[in-house]
């Protein structure tokens, strides 16, 4: 399975809890013009599966950890029955 790591940061003048509250709501991710939709199947917690769709691709991922303002997610293999 291909592996990818993406890191992005932005400095804002808001309390960390406000920034994390915004980021931990995947519906806000579509404010990025490159993202068409985000679906998450469960709470914003380890083990939850999600799908991000852009113009050119669809990526399925699983949240592996959420630690005090840091999210780690790993791409998952697509279900071969759905192709």
PDB file of N, CA and C in Angstrom:
ATOM      1  N   UNK A   1       0.853  -1.169   0.000  1.00  0.00           N
ATOM      2  CA  UNK A   1       0.000   0.000   0.000  1.00  0.00           C
ATOM      3  C   UNK A   1       0.900   1.234   0.000  1.00  0.00           C
ATOM      4  N   UNK A   2       0.605   2.208  -0.883  1.00  0.00           N
ATOM      5  CA  UNK A   2       1.387   3.431  -0.883  1.00  0.00           C
ATOM      6  C   UNK A   2       1.236   4.160   0.445  1.00  0.00           C
ATOM      7  N   UNK A   3       2.277   4.845   0.807  1.00  0.00           N
ATOM      8  CA  UNK A   3       2.257   5.587   2.055  1.00  0.00           C
ATOM      9  C   UNK A   3       2.475   7.059   1.750  1.00  0.00           C
ATOM     10  N   UNK A   4       1.813   7.910   2.495  1.00  0.00           N
ATOM     11  CA  UNK A   4       1.983   9.348   2.306  1.00  0.00           C
ATOM     12  C   UNK A   4       1.918  10.034   3.647  1.00  0.00           C
ATOM     13  N   UNK A   5       2.655  11.103   3.756  1.00  0.00           N
ATOM     14  CA  UNK A   5       2.586  11.907   4.968  1.00  0.00           C
ATOM     15  C   UNK A   5       2.364  13.342   4.532  1.00  0.00           C
ATOM     16  N   UNK A   6       1.387  13.969   5.123  1.00  0.00           N
ATOM     17  CA  UNK A   6       1.069  15.353   4.806  1.00  0.00           C
ATOM     18  C   UNK A   6       1.151  16.156   6.079  1.00  0.00           C
ATOM     19  N   UNK A   7       1.826  17.274   6.009  1.00  0.00           N
ATOM     20  CA  UNK A   7       1.909  18.154   7.167  1.00  0.00           C
ATOM     21  C   UNK A   7       1.579  19.554   6.690  1.00  0.00           C
ATOM     22  N   UNK A   8       0.775  20.235   7.470  1.00  0.00           N
ATOM     23  CA  UNK A   8       0.369  21.585   7.117  1.00  0.00           C
ATOM     24  C   UNK A   8       0.215  22.385   8.394  1.00  0.00           C
ATOM     25  N   UNK A   9       0.667  23.608   8.372  1.00  0.00           N
ATOM     26  CA  UNK A   9       0.478  24.449   9.551  1.00  0.00           C
ATOM     27  C   UNK A   9       0.181  25.877   9.119  1.00  0.00           C
ATOM     28  N   UNK A  10      -0.553  26.562   9.968  1.00  0.00           N
ATOM     29  CA  UNK A  10      -0.918  27.950   9.754  1.00  0.00           C
ATOM     30  C   UNK A  10      -0.894  28.631  11.111  1.00  0.00           C
ATOM     31  N   UNK A  11      -0.327  29.825  11.163  1.00  0.00           N
ATOM     32  CA  UNK A  11      -0.355  30.582  12.418  1.00  0.00           C
ATOM     33  C   UNK A  11      -1.601  31.443  12.457  1.00  0.00           C
ATOM     34  N   UNK A  12      -2.344  31.320  13.543  1.00  0.00           N
ATOM     35  CA  UNK A  12      -3.539  32.139  13.751  1.00  0.00           C
ATOM     36  C   UNK A  12      -3.517  32.658  15.183  1.00  0.00           C
ATOM     37  N   UNK A  13      -4.180  33.756  15.390  1.00  0.00           N
ATOM     38  CA  UNK A  13      -4.221  34.347  16.734  1.00  0.00           C
ATOM     39  C   UNK A  13      -5.554  34.013  17.403  1.00  0.00           C
ATOM     40  N   UNK A  14      -5.712  32.745  17.717  1.00  0.00           N
ATOM     41  CA  UNK A  14      -6.884  32.264  18.447  1.00  0.00           C
ATOM     42  C   UNK A  14      -6.386  31.252  19.474  1.00  0.00           C
ATOM     43  N   UNK A  15      -7.146  31.034  20.530  1.00  0.00           N
ATOM     44  CA  UNK A  15      -6.748  29.998  21.490  1.00  0.00           C
ATOM     45  C   UNK A  15      -6.674  28.626  20.797  1.00  0.00           C
ATOM     46  N   UNK A  16      -5.760  27.804  21.248  1.00  0.00           N
ATOM     47  CA  UNK A  16      -5.562  26.474  20.661  1.00  0.00           C
ATOM     48  C   UNK A  16      -6.866  25.677  20.634  1.00  0.00           C
ATOM     49  N   UNK A  17      -7.688  25.781  21.683  1.00  0.00           N
ATOM     50  CA  UNK A  17      -8.941  25.012  21.729  1.00  0.00           C
ATOM     51  C   UNK A  17      -9.890  25.447  20.618  1.00  0.00           C
ATOM     52  N   UNK A  18      -9.865  26.726  20.242  1.00  0.00           N
ATOM     53  CA  UNK A  18     -10.723  27.215  19.153  1.00  0.00           C
ATOM     54  C   UNK A  18     -10.237  26.653  17.824  1.00  0.00           C
ATOM     55  N   UNK A  19      -8.927  26.716  17.589  1.00  0.00           N
ATOM     56  CA  UNK A  19      -8.362  26.172  16.346  1.00  0.00           C
ATOM     57  C   UNK A  19      -8.632  24.671  16.247  1.00  0.00           C
ATOM     58  N   UNK A  20      -8.423  23.943  17.340  1.00  0.00           N
ATOM     59  CA  UNK A  20      -8.652  22.495  17.319  1.00  0.00           C
ATOM     60  C   UNK A  20     -10.132  22.182  17.125  1.00  0.00           C
ATOM     61  N   UNK A  21     -11.008  22.950  17.721  1.00  0.00           N
ATOM     62  CA  UNK A  21     -12.445  22.750  17.530  1.00  0.00           C
ATOM     63  C   UNK A  21     -12.841  22.893  16.072  1.00  0.00           C
ATOM     64  N   UNK A  22     -12.231  23.849  15.390  1.00  0.00           N
ATOM     65  CA  UNK A  22     -12.497  24.051  13.960  1.00  0.00           C
ATOM     66  C   UNK A  22     -11.942  22.884  13.146  1.00  0.00           C
ATOM     67  N   UNK A  23     -10.683  22.522  13.380  1.00  0.00           N
ATOM     68  CA  UNK A  23     -10.015  21.475  12.605  1.00  0.00           C
ATOM     69  C   UNK A  23     -10.635  20.098  12.841  1.00  0.00           C
ATOM     70  N   UNK A  24     -11.104  19.824  14.032  1.00  0.00           N
ATOM     71  CA  UNK A  24     -11.625  18.492  14.340  1.00  0.00           C
ATOM     72  C   UNK A  24     -13.058  18.294  13.840  1.00  0.00           C
ATOM     73  N   UNK A  25     -13.595  19.270  13.109  1.00  0.00           N
ATOM     74  CA  UNK A  25     -14.889  19.122  12.446  1.00  0.00           C
ATOM     75  C   UNK A  25     -14.618  18.967  10.949  1.00  0.00           C
ATOM     76  N   UNK A  26     -14.618  17.722  10.444  1.00  0.00           N
ATOM     77  CA  UNK A  26     -14.258  17.486   9.041  1.00  0.00           C
ATOM     78  C   UNK A  26     -15.100  18.255   8.019  1.00  0.00           C
ATOM     79  N   UNK A  27     -16.292  18.703   8.387  1.00  0.00           N
ATOM     80  CA  UNK A  27     -17.072  19.490   7.426  1.00  0.00           C
ATOM     81  C   UNK A  27     -16.349  20.801   7.089  1.00  0.00           C
ATOM     82  N   UNK A  28     -15.479  21.275   7.975  1.00  0.00           N
ATOM     83  CA  UNK A  28     -14.700  22.483   7.695  1.00  0.00           C
ATOM     84  C   UNK A  28     -13.585  22.236   6.676  1.00  0.00           C
ATOM     85  N   UNK A  29     -13.196  20.991   6.480  1.00  0.00           N
ATOM     86  CA  UNK A  29     -12.105  20.694   5.563  1.00  0.00           C
ATOM     87  C   UNK A  29     -12.450  21.084   4.128  1.00  0.00           C
ATOM     88  N   UNK A  30     -13.744  21.113   3.796  1.00  0.00           N
ATOM     89  CA  UNK A  30     -14.137  21.458   2.429  1.00  0.00           C
ATOM     90  C   UNK A  30     -13.953  22.942   2.136  1.00  0.00           C
ATOM     91  N   UNK A  31     -13.558  23.729   3.122  1.00  0.00           N
ATOM     92  CA  UNK A  31     -13.201  25.119   2.859  1.00  0.00           C
ATOM     93  C   UNK A  31     -11.924  25.191   2.021  1.00  0.00           C
ATOM     94  N   UNK A  32     -11.143  24.114   2.012  1.00  0.00           N
ATOM     95  CA  UNK A  32      -9.974  23.999   1.135  1.00  0.00           C
ATOM     96  C   UNK A  32     -10.496  23.787  -0.279  1.00  0.00           C
ATOM     97  N   UNK A  33     -10.161  24.654  -1.235  1.00  0.00           N
ATOM     98  CA  UNK A  33     -10.721  24.535  -2.580  1.00  0.00           C
ATOM     99  C   UNK A  33     -10.367  23.224  -3.292  1.00  0.00           C
ATOM    100  N   UNK A  34      -9.348  22.522  -2.835  1.00  0.00           N
ATOM    101  CA  UNK A  34      -8.972  21.254  -3.458  1.00  0.00           C
ATOM    102  C   UNK A  34      -9.785  20.068  -2.971  1.00  0.00           C
ATOM    103  N   UNK A  35     -10.606  20.265  -1.955  1.00  0.00           N
ATOM    104  CA  UNK A  35     -11.397  19.164  -1.392  1.00  0.00           C
ATOM    105  C   UNK A  35     -12.864  19.376  -1.749  1.00  0.00           C
ATOM    106  N   UNK A  36     -13.451  18.354  -2.400  1.00  0.00           N
ATOM    107  CA  UNK A  36     -14.858  18.440  -2.776  1.00  0.00           C
ATOM    108  C   UNK A  36     -15.774  17.965  -1.660  1.00  0.00           C
ATOM    109  N   UNK A  37     -15.371  16.890  -0.965  1.00  0.00           N
ATOM    110  CA  UNK A  37     -16.203  16.394   0.127  1.00  0.00           C
ATOM    111  C   UNK A  37     -15.372  15.555   1.088  1.00  0.00           C
ATOM    112  N   UNK A  38     -15.885  15.464   2.312  1.00  0.00           N
ATOM    113  CA  UNK A  38     -15.284  14.626   3.345  1.00  0.00           C
ATOM    114  C   UNK A  38     -16.420  13.888   4.033  1.00  0.00           C
ATOM    115  N   UNK A  39     -16.262  12.589   4.175  1.00  0.00           N
ATOM    116  CA  UNK A  39     -17.232  11.784   4.922  1.00  0.00           C
ATOM    117  C   UNK A  39     -16.478  11.097   6.044  1.00  0.00           C
ATOM    118  N   UNK A  40     -17.077  11.058   7.221  1.00  0.00           N
ATOM    119  CA  UNK A  40     -16.461  10.388   8.363  1.00  0.00           C
ATOM    120  C   UNK A  40     -17.524   9.493   8.992  1.00  0.00           C
ATOM    121  N   UNK A  41     -17.147   8.243   9.218  1.00  0.00           N
ATOM    122  CA  UNK A  41     -18.089   7.237   9.692  1.00  0.00           C
ATOM    123  C   UNK A  41     -17.901   7.003  11.188  1.00  0.00           C
ATOM    124  N   UNK A  42     -18.283   7.998  11.981  1.00  0.00           N
ATOM    125  CA  UNK A  42     -18.162   7.849  13.428  1.00  0.00           C
ATOM    126  C   UNK A  42     -17.553   9.085  14.047  1.00  0.00           C
ATOM    127  N   UNK A  43     -17.176   8.984  15.318  1.00  0.00           N
ATOM    128  CA  UNK A  43     -16.622  10.134  16.029  1.00  0.00           C
ATOM    129  C   UNK A  43     -15.197  10.440  15.578  1.00  0.00           C
ATOM    130  N   UNK A  44     -14.741  11.631  15.870  1.00  0.00           N
ATOM    131  CA  UNK A  44     -13.374  12.040  15.559  1.00  0.00           C
ATOM    132  C   UNK A  44     -12.463  11.389  16.592  1.00  0.00           C
ATOM    133  N   UNK A  45     -12.187  10.083  16.380  1.00  0.00           N
ATOM    134  CA  UNK A  45     -11.445   9.293  17.363  1.00  0.00           C
ATOM    135  C   UNK A  45     -10.718   8.150  16.652  1.00  0.00           C
ATOM    136  N   UNK A  46      -9.697   7.580  17.294  1.00  0.00           N
ATOM    137  CA  UNK A  46      -8.973   6.466  16.692  1.00  0.00           C
ATOM    138  C   UNK A  46      -9.913   5.335  16.267  1.00  0.00           C
ATOM    139  N   UNK A  47      -9.631   4.783  15.089  1.00  0.00           N
ATOM    140  CA  UNK A  47     -10.422   3.681  14.549  1.00  0.00           C
ATOM    141  C   UNK A  47     -11.515   4.124  13.596  1.00  0.00           C
ATOM    142  N   UNK A  48     -11.861   5.413  13.612  1.00  0.00           N
ATOM    143  CA  UNK A  48     -12.903   5.915  12.731  1.00  0.00           C
ATOM    144  C   UNK A  48     -12.366   6.012  11.302  1.00  0.00           C
ATOM    145  N   UNK A  49     -13.184   5.615  10.346  1.00  0.00           N
ATOM    146  CA  UNK A  49     -12.821   5.603   8.935  1.00  0.00           C
ATOM    147  C   UNK A  49     -13.463   6.806   8.248  1.00  0.00           C
ATOM    148  N   UNK A  50     -12.747   7.379   7.294  1.00  0.00           N
ATOM    149  CA  UNK A  50     -13.269   8.500   6.535  1.00  0.00           C
ATOM    150  C   UNK A  50     -12.852   8.432   5.080  1.00  0.00           C
ATOM    151  N   UNK A  51     -13.457   9.290   4.276  1.00  0.00           N
ATOM    152  CA  UNK A  51     -13.145   9.384   2.851  1.00  0.00           C
ATOM    153  C   UNK A  51     -13.059  10.855   2.479  1.00  0.00           C
ATOM    154  N   UNK A  52     -11.998  11.212   1.792  1.00  0.00           N
ATOM    155  CA  UNK A  52     -11.824  12.562   1.273  1.00  0.00           C
ATOM    156  C   UNK A  52     -11.840  12.473  -0.241  1.00  0.00           C
ATOM    157  N   UNK A  53     -12.675  13.319  -0.876  1.00  0.00           N
ATOM    158  CA  UNK A  53     -12.759  13.343  -2.334  1.00  0.00           C
ATOM    159  C   UNK A  53     -12.271  14.690  -2.843  1.00  0.00           C
ATOM    160  N   UNK A  54     -11.398  14.614  -3.839  1.00  0.00           N
ATOM    161  CA  UNK A  54     -10.958  15.812  -4.541  1.00  0.00           C
ATOM    162  C   UNK A  54     -11.351  15.633  -6.005  1.00  0.00           C
ATOM    163  N   UNK A  55     -11.040  16.596  -6.820  1.00  0.00           N
ATOM    164  CA  UNK A  55     -11.391  16.510  -8.239  1.00  0.00           C
ATOM    165  C   UNK A  55     -10.795  15.263  -8.890  1.00  0.00           C
ATOM    166  N   UNK A  56      -9.575  14.923  -8.507  1.00  0.00           N
ATOM    167  CA  UNK A  56      -8.848  13.851  -9.186  1.00  0.00           C
ATOM    168  C   UNK A  56      -8.806  12.515  -8.465  1.00  0.00           C
ATOM    169  N   UNK A  57      -9.152  12.473  -7.192  1.00  0.00           N
ATOM    170  CA  UNK A  57      -9.019  11.199  -6.483  1.00  0.00           C
ATOM    171  C   UNK A  57      -9.919  11.122  -5.257  1.00  0.00           C
ATOM    172  N   UNK A  58     -10.050   9.903  -4.778  1.00  0.00           N
ATOM    173  CA  UNK A  58     -10.774   9.618  -3.545  1.00  0.00           C
ATOM    174  C   UNK A  58      -9.816   8.860  -2.642  1.00  0.00           C
ATOM    175  N   UNK A  59      -9.675   9.324  -1.408  1.00  0.00           N
ATOM    176  CA  UNK A  59      -8.770   8.683  -0.461  1.00  0.00           C
ATOM    177  C   UNK A  59      -9.554   8.227   0.753  1.00  0.00           C
ATOM    178  N   UNK A  60      -9.432   6.953   1.079  1.00  0.00           N
ATOM    179  CA  UNK A  60     -10.025   6.416   2.302  1.00  0.00           C
ATOM    180  C   UNK A  60      -8.925   6.388   3.355  1.00  0.00           C
ATOM    181  N   UNK A  61      -9.283   6.713   4.593  1.00  0.00           N
ATOM    182  CA  UNK A  61      -8.290   6.780   5.660  1.00  0.00           C
ATOM    183  C   UNK A  61      -8.923   6.360   6.977  1.00  0.00           C
ATOM    184  N   UNK A  62      -8.054   6.014   7.921  1.00  0.00           N
ATOM    185  CA  UNK A  62      -8.478   5.639   9.272  1.00  0.00           C
ATOM    186  C   UNK A  62      -7.713   6.502  10.260  1.00  0.00           C
ATOM    187  N   UNK A  63      -8.425   7.101  11.201  1.00  0.00           N
ATOM    188  CA  UNK A  63      -7.758   7.877  12.246  1.00  0.00           C
ATOM    189  C   UNK A  63      -7.028   6.892  13.150  1.00  0.00           C
ATOM    190  N   UNK A  64      -5.723   7.113  13.308  1.00  0.00           N
ATOM    191  CA  UNK A  64      -4.933   6.207  14.150  1.00  0.00           C
ATOM    192  C   UNK A  64      -4.702   6.781  15.541  1.00  0.00           C
ATOM    193  N   UNK A  65      -4.676   8.118  15.661  1.00  0.00           N
ATOM    194  CA  UNK A  65      -4.558   8.708  16.996  1.00  0.00           C
ATOM    195  C   UNK A  65      -4.985  10.163  16.953  1.00  0.00           C
ATOM    196  N   UNK A  66      -5.470  10.634  18.077  1.00  0.00           N
ATOM    197  CA  UNK A  66      -5.835  12.034  18.266  1.00  0.00           C
ATOM    198  C   UNK A  66      -5.269  12.415  19.626  1.00  0.00           C
ATOM    199  N   UNK A  67      -4.281  13.301  19.612  1.00  0.00           N
ATOM    200  CA  UNK A  67      -3.607  13.684  20.852  1.00  0.00           C
ATOM    201  C   UNK A  67      -3.528  15.194  20.970  1.00  0.00           C
ATOM    202  N   UNK A  68      -4.268  15.780  21.880  1.00  0.00           N
ATOM    203  CA  UNK A  68      -4.163  17.202  22.232  1.00  0.00           C
ATOM    204  C   UNK A  68      -3.784  18.090  21.059  1.00  0.00           C
ATOM    205  N   UNK A  69      -4.627  18.112  20.041  1.00  0.00           N
ATOM    206  CA  UNK A  69      -4.391  19.006  18.917  1.00  0.00           C
ATOM    207  C   UNK A  69      -3.626  18.400  17.765  1.00  0.00           C
ATOM    208  N   UNK A  70      -3.342  17.111  17.805  1.00  0.00           N
ATOM    209  CA  UNK A  70      -2.634  16.452  16.711  1.00  0.00           C
ATOM    210  C   UNK A  70      -3.448  15.260  16.233  1.00  0.00           C
ATOM    211  N   UNK A  71      -3.687  15.209  14.935  1.00  0.00           N
ATOM    212  CA  UNK A  71      -4.414  14.096  14.318  1.00  0.00           C
ATOM    213  C   UNK A  71      -3.442  13.274  13.504  1.00  0.00           C
ATOM    214  N   UNK A  72      -3.528  11.973  13.626  1.00  0.00           N
ATOM    215  CA  UNK A  72      -2.771  11.076  12.754  1.00  0.00           C
ATOM    216  C   UNK A  72      -3.775  10.142  12.091  1.00  0.00           C
ATOM    217  N   UNK A  73      -3.676  10.060  10.771  1.00  0.00           N
ATOM    218  CA  UNK A  73      -4.566   9.186  10.013  1.00  0.00           C
ATOM    219  C   UNK A  73      -3.733   8.441   8.993  1.00  0.00           C
ATOM    220  N   UNK A  74      -4.166   7.245   8.651  1.00  0.00           N
ATOM    221  CA  UNK A  74      -3.437   6.414   7.705  1.00  0.00           C
ATOM    222  C   UNK A  74      -4.356   6.026   6.563  1.00  0.00           C
ATOM    223  N   UNK A  75      -3.881   6.148   5.310  1.00  0.00           N
ATOM    224  CA  UNK A  75      -4.706   5.698   4.187  1.00  0.00           C
ATOM    225  C   UNK A  75      -5.038   4.219   4.337  1.00  0.00           C
ATOM    226  N   UNK A  76      -6.231   3.834   3.906  1.00  0.00           N
ATOM    227  CA  UNK A  76      -6.637   2.440   3.950  1.00  0.00           C
ATOM    228  C   UNK A  76      -6.876   1.944   2.542  1.00  0.00           C
ATOM    229  N   UNK A  77      -6.720   0.652   2.344  1.00  0.00           N
ATOM    230  CA  UNK A  77      -6.933   0.060   1.030  1.00  0.00           C
ATOM    231  C   UNK A  77      -8.410   0.122   0.673  1.00  0.00           C
ATOM    232  N   UNK A  78      -8.731   0.473  -0.583  1.00  0.00           N
ATOM    233  CA  UNK A  78     -10.126   0.479  -0.987  1.00  0.00           C
ATOM    234  C   UNK A  78     -10.723  -0.917  -0.960  1.00  0.00           C
ATOM    235  N   UNK A  79     -12.006  -0.998  -0.704  1.00  0.00           N
ATOM    236  CA  UNK A  79     -12.716  -2.269  -0.698  1.00  0.00           C
ATOM    237  C   UNK A  79     -12.803  -2.751  -2.141  1.00  0.00           C
ATOM    238  N   UNK A  80     -12.170  -3.890  -2.449  1.00  0.00           N
ATOM    239  CA  UNK A  80     -12.147  -4.397  -3.824  1.00  0.00           C
ATOM    240  C   UNK A  80     -13.525  -4.705  -4.362  1.00  0.00           C
ATOM    241  N   UNK A  81     -14.491  -4.965  -3.498  1.00  0.00           N
ATOM    242  CA  UNK A  81     -15.848  -5.250  -3.933  1.00  0.00           C
ATOM    243  C   UNK A  81     -16.562  -4.010  -4.425  1.00  0.00           C
ATOM    244  N   UNK A  82     -16.054  -2.816  -4.100  1.00  0.00           N
ATOM    245  CA  UNK A  82     -16.731  -1.594  -4.487  1.00  0.00           C
ATOM    246  C   UNK A  82     -16.137  -0.954  -5.741  1.00  0.00           C
ATOM    247  N   UNK A  83     -15.135  -1.593  -6.331  1.00  0.00           N
ATOM    248  CA  UNK A  83     -14.508  -1.028  -7.529  1.00  0.00           C
ATOM    249  C   UNK A  83     -15.205  -1.466  -8.782  1.00  0.00           C
TER     250      UNK A  83
END
